[in-house]
Amino acid sequence: MLRITLIGLAVVVASGLVLVVVGVLLPATTRSEREALLRAPVPTVFATVTDVADQARWRSDVERVQVAENGLTWRETTGSGVEIAFRLIESRPNEAYVIEYESPQGFKGRWTGHFVSVGDATRLTMTETVTIASPIGRVIGRLVAPPGAHMERYLADLQAALEA
């Protein structure tokens, strides 16, 4: 019985070490870019993206948004109950929108959107840089939410909201 317990303990310790080593080898910061041609004019797309108070209505991953009185910071609560703090860095109407965010789950990042008119449509180019300090968090982050996955969901939700 003791031998089985020691073998089990060794497997758990070895697995933990592998997780840490893999995490140390992964870069702490990732950068992803996505681009979409949205079937709506730039002012409509820009207004939808920048109206953070309304995002819980159309984003499938956001349960609630609480905007501070200054309008420059806000908190989004995800469907799983995690609160993420956001702050506005730059807003150039109908051109660019830049925000930063930080989660109590150990990640932080910057999201940039560039808006370009293409006839009656909008080309939205999004860039997201995410930093995860913890090596174990990096491994979990890559498994649960690979770089770019969040932006793909955001774009799908945004297109659906614009068509509604």
Foldseek 3Di string as FASTA:
>chain_A
DVVVVVVVVVVVVVVVVVLLVQLVVDAQKDKDKDKDKAQAFLQVLQVVVLPVQCVCVQQQQFPGKAADPVNFKIWTQGPVGWIKIKGWDDDDRSAKTKMKIDTPLAKIKIKMWGWDGDDRIIMIMIMMMMGGPGSSVSVVCCVPPNPPNVVVSVVVSSNVVVVD
